[in-house]
């Protein structure tokens, strides 16, 4: 058990697995394998294994509510299962994990279908970092016959924008690649900004890759609509009770591997975009006001609370 979970958690921590969605999928699949290989003798021991896996994954990346929600869902199914037999509990975990992954894919397709309608023929789309959900939305718009251009940032320090650029070229989309600090220069030529999310707070503020909030302010200044594309399960229920979404601090070496001694280098992985700069949250429920997130979650995913 420990090797499967720890090796996956290590890959997540080292950014060998990137993106909130991919991180959640990797964690869920690892828990599936753990359940299939468990040597637990009773329900209490089996649940203890699941809880240990939950702790290990939670420590791997701080700002990953989708992963935490996924694991919470799976553990809840095992806890409430009307059986004490470990083999039956293992089946519950495996089937629950499979169902979660299936529902996650369905959510992405629904989100892409809805969001693609906001991509108009001949428009210029600005995006930041890399989001598989944003890519899917743009792919759907392209499949619908929309002709549009994309401007994407390099997204330092890990350069995830290069992933976006390659994927756009593979779709046959004319793509312009810029350094992050050039965002204001190009914003005047943009029709819409679309970014992903790593977390959503109870107030409808969005946690996303560092630089997203600055881009949102620039879009507001230029009167360009700023949309966030996200599965609803990136909502962090802890923020309802007053907790602040933790912002992961990455290694300074990612910014400058040979920095001068005594130089303080800060490397926050994410920042928070206030809801007032967000034109709409594109999700499986539709395009909603970010401030309505708690009501939408209570209607659709009450188990999160």
Foldseek 3Di string as FASTA:
>chain_A
DCVLLLVLLQCLLVVVQDALVSNLLSLLVSVLVCLVPDPDDKLVRNLVVLVVSLVSNCVSFQLRLLNNLLSLQLSVQLVPDPDTDSNVSSVSSNVSSVVVNVVVVVFLVLLLVQLLVVQAAAFEEEEEADHPSVLSNVLVNVVVVGAYAYEYELQPDVRNSVVVVVSCVVSVHHYHYYHLVCLLVCLLRHQAYEYEARAAELQLKTKDFPSPQVSLVSCVVNVHAYEYEYELSSYQPVVVVPDDRDFDWDDQCSVPVDDDPPDDGTRTGIDIHHLVSHPFYRTSVHTHRSRCSVVVCCVPPVVSD
